[in-house]
């Protein structure tokens, strides 16, 4: 068997470029059902993804303004989601005043 003349192709060469590997846990968002997605579901998925991003990215002072803007957007989305959920649950419950 002939040996390669290019050292970067050698298997045990520590300076050879290594193939990129995907980090575990990163996968595209997929719904479990074939039903159409609602705005609320989309907002929940986006909020969860943004929270995971904030938790995974190391804090860098030069990106502090962008990070703070994303945190405020997440907070606003969570307020909208909780308001929508409380309105939906109130609409489902029978009124006790009658």
C-alpha atoms as a PDB file:
ATOM      1  CA  UNK A   1       0.000   0.000   0.000  1.00  0.00           C
ATOM      2  CA  UNK A   2       1.417   3.355  -1.038  1.00  0.00           C
ATOM      3  CA  UNK A   3       1.855   6.097   1.498  1.00  0.00           C
ATOM      4  CA  UNK A   4       0.490   9.542   0.850  1.00  0.00           C
ATOM      5  CA  UNK A   5       2.971  12.270  -0.006  1.00  0.00           C
ATOM      6  CA  UNK A   6       0.775  14.827   1.737  1.00  0.00           C
ATOM      7  CA  UNK A   7       1.339  14.870   5.522  1.00  0.00           C
ATOM      8  CA  UNK A   8      -1.951  16.685   6.169  1.00  0.00           C
ATOM      9  CA  UNK A   9      -3.769  13.529   5.118  1.00  0.00           C
ATOM     10  CA  UNK A  10      -1.995  11.315   7.628  1.00  0.00           C
ATOM     11  CA  UNK A  11      -4.376   9.878  10.193  1.00  0.00           C
ATOM     12  CA  UNK A  12      -2.292  10.548  13.291  1.00  0.00           C
ATOM     13  CA  UNK A  13      -0.976  13.959  12.260  1.00  0.00           C
ATOM     14  CA  UNK A  14      -1.908  16.361  15.102  1.00  0.00           C
ATOM     15  CA  UNK A  15      -1.690  19.458  12.872  1.00  0.00           C
ATOM     16  CA  UNK A  16      -3.864  18.010  10.115  1.00  0.00           C
ATOM     17  CA  UNK A  17      -7.159  19.817   9.674  1.00  0.00           C
ATOM     18  CA  UNK A  18      -9.910  17.909  11.395  1.00  0.00           C
ATOM     19  CA  UNK A  19     -13.421  17.570  10.015  1.00  0.00           C
ATOM     20  CA  UNK A  20     -15.996  19.776  11.676  1.00  0.00           C
ATOM     21  CA  UNK A  21     -18.385  18.008  13.988  1.00  0.00           C
ATOM     22  CA  UNK A  22     -21.826  19.169  14.966  1.00  0.00           C
ATOM     23  CA  UNK A  23     -22.323  19.821  18.623  1.00  0.00           C
ATOM     24  CA  UNK A  24     -24.689  17.420  20.335  1.00  0.00           C
ATOM     25  CA  UNK A  25     -28.050  18.838  21.209  1.00  0.00           C
ATOM     26  CA  UNK A  26     -28.316  21.120  18.212  1.00  0.00           C
ATOM     27  CA  UNK A  27     -31.088  20.011  15.972  1.00  0.00           C
ATOM     28  CA  UNK A  28     -33.617  21.820  13.850  1.00  0.00           C
ATOM     29  CA  UNK A  29     -37.007  22.579  15.304  1.00  0.00           C
ATOM     30  CA  UNK A  30     -39.638  20.100  14.172  1.00  0.00           C
ATOM     31  CA  UNK A  31     -43.222  19.744  15.173  1.00  0.00           C
ATOM     32  CA  UNK A  32     -44.434  16.345  16.314  1.00  0.00           C
ATOM     33  CA  UNK A  33     -47.677  16.717  14.416  1.00  0.00           C
ATOM     34  CA  UNK A  34     -48.671  17.575  10.868  1.00  0.00           C
ATOM     35  CA  UNK A  35     -51.226  20.114  12.071  1.00  0.00           C
ATOM     36  CA  UNK A  36     -50.712  23.765  11.109  1.00  0.00           C
ATOM     37  CA  UNK A  37     -48.765  25.791  13.643  1.00  0.00           C
ATOM     38  CA  UNK A  38     -50.497  28.691  15.392  1.00  0.00           C
ATOM     39  CA  UNK A  39     -48.974  32.060  16.201  1.00  0.00           C
ATOM     40  CA  UNK A  40     -48.858  31.116  19.878  1.00  0.00           C
ATOM     41  CA  UNK A  41     -46.958  27.898  19.158  1.00  0.00           C
ATOM     42  CA  UNK A  42     -44.538  29.773  16.923  1.00  0.00           C
ATOM     43  CA  UNK A  43     -43.959  32.405  19.600  1.00  0.00           C
ATOM     44  CA  UNK A  44     -43.396  29.704  22.236  1.00  0.00           C
ATOM     45  CA  UNK A  45     -40.875  27.913  20.014  1.00  0.00           C
ATOM     46  CA  UNK A  46     -39.078  31.165  19.214  1.00  0.00           C
ATOM     47  CA  UNK A  47     -38.949  32.168  22.878  1.00  0.00           C
ATOM     48  CA  UNK A  48     -37.578  28.767  23.914  1.00  0.00           C
ATOM     49  CA  UNK A  49     -34.925  28.904  21.192  1.00  0.00           C
ATOM     50  CA  UNK A  50     -33.909  32.436  22.210  1.00  0.00           C
ATOM     51  CA  UNK A  51     -33.626  31.373  25.861  1.00  0.00           C
ATOM     52  CA  UNK A  52     -31.410  28.428  24.895  1.00  0.00           C
ATOM     53  CA  UNK A  53     -29.280  30.783  22.792  1.00  0.00           C
ATOM     54  CA  UNK A  54     -28.856  33.271  25.651  1.00  0.00           C
ATOM     55  CA  UNK A  55     -27.878  30.440  28.015  1.00  0.00           C
ATOM     56  CA  UNK A  56     -25.401  28.899  25.551  1.00  0.00           C
ATOM     57  CA  UNK A  57     -23.572  32.020  24.357  1.00  0.00           C
ATOM     58  CA  UNK A  58     -20.826  33.277  26.657  1.00  0.00           C
ATOM     59  CA  UNK A  59     -21.201  36.825  27.955  1.00  0.00           C
ATOM     60  CA  UNK A  60     -19.163  39.308  25.926  1.00  0.00           C
ATOM     61  CA  UNK A  61     -19.069  42.971  26.974  1.00  0.00           C
ATOM     62  CA  UNK A  62     -18.997  44.249  23.393  1.00  0.00           C
ATOM     63  CA  UNK A  63     -22.308  42.459  22.659  1.00  0.00           C
ATOM     64  CA  UNK A  64     -24.030  43.515  25.873  1.00  0.00           C
ATOM     65  CA  UNK A  65     -26.545  45.843  24.170  1.00  0.00           C
ATOM     66  CA  UNK A  66     -27.676  43.148  21.727  1.00  0.00           C
ATOM     67  CA  UNK A  67     -27.890  40.580  24.514  1.00  0.00           C
ATOM     68  CA  UNK A  68     -29.985  42.920  26.654  1.00  0.00           C
ATOM     69  CA  UNK A  69     -32.299  43.655  23.707  1.00  0.00           C
ATOM     70  CA  UNK A  70     -32.825  39.917  23.173  1.00  0.00           C
ATOM     71  CA  UNK A  71     -33.540  39.385  26.882  1.00  0.00           C
ATOM     72  CA  UNK A  72     -36.112  42.210  26.806  1.00  0.00           C
ATOM     73  CA  UNK A  73     -37.722  40.712  23.687  1.00  0.00           C
ATOM     74  CA  UNK A  74     -37.942  37.320  25.422  1.00  0.00           C
ATOM     75  CA  UNK A  75     -39.580  38.971  28.441  1.00  0.00           C
ATOM     76  CA  UNK A  76     -42.098  40.746  26.220  1.00  0.00           C
ATOM     77  CA  UNK A  77     -42.926  37.531  24.373  1.00  0.00           C
ATOM     78  CA  UNK A  78     -43.442  35.705  27.668  1.00  0.00           C
ATOM     79  CA  UNK A  79     -45.834  38.447  28.838  1.00  0.00           C
ATOM     80  CA  UNK A  80     -47.838  38.122  25.616  1.00  0.00           C
ATOM     81  CA  UNK A  81     -47.923  34.329  25.929  1.00  0.00           C
ATOM     82  CA  UNK A  82     -49.035  34.407  29.569  1.00  0.00           C
ATOM     83  CA  UNK A  83     -51.730  36.994  28.777  1.00  0.00           C
ATOM     84  CA  UNK A  84     -53.041  34.868  25.904  1.00  0.00           C
ATOM     85  CA  UNK A  85     -53.064  31.756  28.085  1.00  0.00           C
ATOM     86  CA  UNK A  86     -54.948  33.479  30.918  1.00  0.00           C
ATOM     87  CA  UNK A  87     -57.527  34.897  28.497  1.00  0.00           C
ATOM     88  CA  UNK A  88     -58.008  31.473  26.908  1.00  0.00           C
ATOM     89  CA  UNK A  89     -58.432  29.775  30.287  1.00  0.00           C
ATOM     90  CA  UNK A  90     -60.955  32.417  31.421  1.00  0.00           C
ATOM     91  CA  UNK A  91     -62.964  31.908  28.235  1.00  0.00           C
ATOM     92  CA  UNK A  92     -63.108  28.142  28.861  1.00  0.00           C
ATOM     93  CA  UNK A  93     -64.218  28.399  32.510  1.00  0.00           C
ATOM     94  CA  UNK A  94     -67.947  28.895  33.175  1.00  0.00           C
ATOM     95  CA  UNK A  95     -68.834  32.120  34.905  1.00  0.00           C
ATOM     96  CA  UNK A  96     -69.547  31.791  38.636  1.00  0.00           C
ATOM     97  CA  UNK A  97     -71.456  35.093  38.786  1.00  0.00           C
ATOM     98  CA  UNK A  98     -74.648  33.711  37.241  1.00  0.00           C
END
